[in-house]
Amino acid sequence: MSQYVGHIYSIDPSPISNCIKDIKNVEYVQTFFNYDLMASKINKPIKLIVCRHVIEHIDKPREVLRDIVRLLEEDGILYIEVPDMQEIIEHIRFCDIYHDHCGYYQ
């Protein structure tokens, strides 16, 4: 994705994302999402926010989503992807049930 956009902010507490820290148009922040911290770091308009397999790890997703939307430009896009609980059950993929998931969605 970094080849097609001007700038990317990446927020991820896990060290696995260190592999992207050297991409010149990616600003990697190794922490959990915090609105005040991100609002102080952002100096470019945010047109798209991707939350891929994030929301199921959050205890109060409504509050976090509200703060995420506050960072977007007025006509920005929020893309959310979560594991599909119905598919997990139908395909007996219980390996997708994690101790660190706070919610399951379909």
C-alpha atoms as a PDB file:
ATOM      1  CA  MET A   1       0.000   0.000   0.000  1.00  0.00           C
ATOM      2  CA  SER A   2       2.880   2.364   0.716  1.00  0.00           C
ATOM      3  CA  GLN A   3       3.643   2.495  -3.017  1.00  0.00           C
ATOM      4  CA  TYR A   4       0.253   4.054  -3.773  1.00  0.00           C
ATOM      5  CA  VAL A   5      -0.205   6.681  -1.068  1.00  0.00           C
ATOM      6  CA  GLY A   6       1.730   9.681   0.143  1.00  0.00           C
ATOM      7  CA  HIS A   7       2.001   8.864   3.842  1.00  0.00           C
ATOM      8  CA  ILE A   8       0.982   6.092   6.243  1.00  0.00           C
ATOM      9  CA  TYR A   9       0.698   6.149  10.015  1.00  0.00           C
ATOM     10  CA  SER A  10       0.921   2.632  11.439  1.00  0.00           C
ATOM     11  CA  ILE A  11      -0.152   2.052  15.044  1.00  0.00           C
ATOM     12  CA  ASP A  12       0.570  -1.390  16.426  1.00  0.00           C
ATOM     13  CA  PRO A  13       1.768  -2.453  19.872  1.00  0.00           C
ATOM     14  CA  SER A  14       3.330  -5.687  18.632  1.00  0.00           C
ATOM     15  CA  PRO A  15       7.006  -5.801  17.646  1.00  0.00           C
ATOM     16  CA  ILE A  16       6.124  -7.704  14.456  1.00  0.00           C
ATOM     17  CA  SER A  17       5.395  -4.380  12.760  1.00  0.00           C
ATOM     18  CA  ASN A  18       9.000  -3.275  13.213  1.00  0.00           C
ATOM     19  CA  CYS A  19       9.584  -4.731   9.740  1.00  0.00           C
ATOM     20  CA  ILE A  20       7.860  -1.684   8.185  1.00  0.00           C
ATOM     21  CA  LYS A  21       9.666   0.996  10.171  1.00  0.00           C
ATOM     22  CA  ASP A  22      12.254   1.590   7.429  1.00  0.00           C
ATOM     23  CA  ILE A  23       9.737   2.318   4.673  1.00  0.00           C
ATOM     24  CA  LYS A  24      10.246   6.016   4.008  1.00  0.00           C
ATOM     25  CA  ASN A  25       6.598   7.108   3.854  1.00  0.00           C
ATOM     26  CA  VAL A  26       5.469   5.033   6.864  1.00  0.00           C
ATOM     27  CA  GLU A  27       5.492   6.505  10.351  1.00  0.00           C
ATOM     28  CA  TYR A  28       5.338   3.517  12.697  1.00  0.00           C
ATOM     29  CA  VAL A  29       4.123   4.102  16.256  1.00  0.00           C
ATOM     30  CA  GLN A  30       4.637   1.052  18.473  1.00  0.00           C
ATOM     31  CA  THR A  31       1.881   1.487  21.034  1.00  0.00           C
ATOM     32  CA  PHE A  32      -1.781   0.880  21.662  1.00  0.00           C
ATOM     33  CA  PHE A  33      -4.144   3.398  20.071  1.00  0.00           C
ATOM     34  CA  ASN A  34      -4.500   6.571  22.081  1.00  0.00           C
ATOM     35  CA  TYR A  35      -6.391   9.513  20.610  1.00  0.00           C
ATOM     36  CA  ASP A  36      -4.382  12.262  22.317  1.00  0.00           C
ATOM     37  CA  LEU A  37      -1.052  10.717  21.319  1.00  0.00           C
ATOM     38  CA  MET A  38      -2.087  10.256  17.695  1.00  0.00           C
ATOM     39  CA  ALA A  39      -3.679  13.706  17.431  1.00  0.00           C
ATOM     40  CA  SER A  40      -0.358  15.194  18.556  1.00  0.00           C
ATOM     41  CA  LYS A  41       1.651  13.152  16.002  1.00  0.00           C
ATOM     42  CA  ILE A  42      -0.555  13.602  12.948  1.00  0.00           C
ATOM     43  CA  ASN A  43       0.475  16.455  10.697  1.00  0.00           C
ATOM     44  CA  LYS A  44      -1.067  15.225   7.436  1.00  0.00           C
ATOM     45  CA  PRO A  45      -4.756  14.757   6.532  1.00  0.00           C
ATOM     46  CA  ILE A  46      -6.103  11.277   7.221  1.00  0.00           C
ATOM     47  CA  LYS A  47      -8.235  10.051   4.316  1.00  0.00           C
ATOM     48  CA  LEU A  48      -8.396   6.341   5.193  1.00  0.00           C
ATOM     49  CA  ILE A  49      -8.087   4.386   8.424  1.00  0.00           C
ATOM     50  CA  VAL A  50      -7.890   0.601   8.300  1.00  0.00           C
ATOM     51  CA  CYS A  51      -8.729  -1.430  11.415  1.00  0.00           C
ATOM     52  CA  ARG A  52      -7.974  -4.969  10.347  1.00  0.00           C
ATOM     53  CA  HIS A  53      -8.552  -7.518  13.104  1.00  0.00           C
ATOM     54  CA  VAL A  54      -8.346  -4.812  15.773  1.00  0.00           C
ATOM     55  CA  ILE A  55     -11.850  -4.154  17.093  1.00  0.00           C
ATOM     56  CA  GLU A  56     -12.285  -7.660  18.534  1.00  0.00           C
ATOM     57  CA  HIS A  57      -9.337  -6.951  20.861  1.00  0.00           C
ATOM     58  CA  ILE A  58     -10.875  -3.799  22.356  1.00  0.00           C
ATOM     59  CA  ASP A  59     -12.944  -3.845  25.530  1.00  0.00           C
ATOM     60  CA  LYS A  60     -14.925  -0.694  24.629  1.00  0.00           C
ATOM     61  CA  PRO A  61     -14.944  -0.586  20.817  1.00  0.00           C
ATOM     62  CA  ARG A  62     -17.573   2.161  20.540  1.00  0.00           C
ATOM     63  CA  GLU A  63     -15.381   4.635  22.417  1.00  0.00           C
ATOM     64  CA  VAL A  64     -12.284   3.750  20.398  1.00  0.00           C
ATOM     65  CA  LEU A  65     -14.178   3.953  17.098  1.00  0.00           C
ATOM     66  CA  ARG A  66     -15.496   7.388  18.062  1.00  0.00           C
ATOM     67  CA  ASP A  67     -11.920   8.576  18.644  1.00  0.00           C
ATOM     68  CA  ILE A  68     -10.677   6.987  15.426  1.00  0.00           C
ATOM     69  CA  VAL A  69     -13.368   8.780  13.418  1.00  0.00           C
ATOM     70  CA  ARG A  70     -12.323  12.083  15.014  1.00  0.00           C
ATOM     71  CA  LEU A  71      -8.914  11.678  13.314  1.00  0.00           C
ATOM     72  CA  LEU A  72     -10.406  11.288   9.826  1.00  0.00           C
ATOM     73  CA  GLU A  73     -10.979  14.077   7.344  1.00  0.00           C
ATOM     74  CA  GLU A  74     -14.656  14.971   6.973  1.00  0.00           C
ATOM     75  CA  ASP A  75     -15.068  12.738   3.909  1.00  0.00           C
ATOM     76  CA  GLY A  76     -12.582  10.094   5.089  1.00  0.00           C
ATOM     77  CA  ILE A  77     -13.154   6.346   5.041  1.00  0.00           C
ATOM     78  CA  LEU A  78     -12.973   3.905   7.939  1.00  0.00           C
ATOM     79  CA  TYR A  79     -12.477   0.274   6.874  1.00  0.00           C
ATOM     80  CA  ILE A  80     -13.111  -2.345   9.571  1.00  0.00           C
ATOM     81  CA  GLU A  81     -12.408  -6.055   9.190  1.00  0.00           C
ATOM     82  CA  VAL A  82     -13.132  -8.570  11.938  1.00  0.00           C
ATOM     83  CA  PRO A  83     -13.110 -12.367  12.095  1.00  0.00           C
ATOM     84  CA  ASP A  84     -16.548 -13.712  11.160  1.00  0.00           C
ATOM     85  CA  MET A  85     -17.871 -15.691  14.137  1.00  0.00           C
ATOM     86  CA  GLN A  86     -20.498 -17.428  12.021  1.00  0.00           C
ATOM     87  CA  GLU A  87     -17.787 -18.692   9.664  1.00  0.00           C
ATOM     88  CA  ILE A  88     -15.651 -19.826  12.613  1.00  0.00           C
ATOM     89  CA  ILE A  89     -18.547 -21.926  13.903  1.00  0.00           C
ATOM     90  CA  GLU A  90     -19.620 -23.273  10.497  1.00  0.00           C
ATOM     91  CA  HIS A  91     -16.084 -24.370   9.591  1.00  0.00           C
ATOM     92  CA  ILE A  92     -15.191 -25.505  13.128  1.00  0.00           C
ATOM     93  CA  ARG A  93     -12.191 -23.145  13.183  1.00  0.00           C
ATOM     94  CA  PHE A  94     -11.926 -22.895  16.937  1.00  0.00           C
ATOM     95  CA  CYS A  95      -8.249 -22.007  16.543  1.00  0.00           C
ATOM     96  CA  ASP A  96      -9.611 -18.516  15.717  1.00  0.00           C
ATOM     97  CA  ILE A  97     -10.959 -18.112  19.259  1.00  0.00           C
ATOM     98  CA  TYR A  98      -8.285 -16.288  21.246  1.00  0.00           C
ATOM     99  CA  HIS A  99      -7.929 -15.418  24.897  1.00  0.00           C
ATOM    100  CA  ASP A 100      -7.216 -11.798  23.952  1.00  0.00           C
ATOM    101  CA  HIS A 101     -10.479 -11.293  22.029  1.00  0.00           C
ATOM    102  CA  CYS A 102     -13.028  -9.177  23.878  1.00  0.00           C
ATOM    103  CA  GLY A 103     -15.771  -9.591  21.263  1.00  0.00           C
ATOM    104  CA  TYR A 104     -16.883 -11.770  18.366  1.00  0.00           C
ATOM    105  CA  TYR A 105     -18.875 -10.452  15.431  1.00  0.00           C
ATOM    106  CA  GLN A 106     -20.666 -11.645  12.316  1.00  0.00           C
END
